Amino acid sequence: MVNLKEENIILFDGVCNLCDGVVKFIIAKDKNDKFKFTSLQSASGQSLLLKLNLPTDSFTSIVLIIGDCYFVKSLAVLQVLKELGGFWKLFYIFIIFPRPVRDFAYDLVAKTRYKLFGKRESCSMPTNDIKHKFLE
């Protein structure tokens, strides 16, 4: 099992094309290898969700785990951008909007992501050069 205190882990919907694109974006910008990834549907993702007392059958939110803390929806996205540093941390300014407003916008995208960006039959497999960034 993963030691949560030593890893920053992003759980994502493994069959969502938008989510897959976001993961590829984060990997490209994560020059310091801050993040590890696993899909919400995977065995390690399910285990982490159980450990955090989060639903194991709802794949509508990204989950970011940093040490003993976890973040979901818009706060997870903002936290990832902040952790990426550089220009990307400037987007953390959106934290000034109340969480219900941010999460409403997040939920709108989440509800339409399959319709707008499509869906895979199964999770895509990471290439050998980025395999070390995935839990499984």
Foldseek 3Di string as FASTA:
>chain_A
DDQLQQAKEKEAAQFFQVRVVVVVVLVVLQPVLRYAYDYLQDPVNLVVCVVVVHDSPDRLWMWIGHRPDIDIFQVNVLVSQCVSDDPSVVVVVVVPDDPVVRRVVRNVCSVCRCVVGNTHPGGDQDDPVCNVRYPD
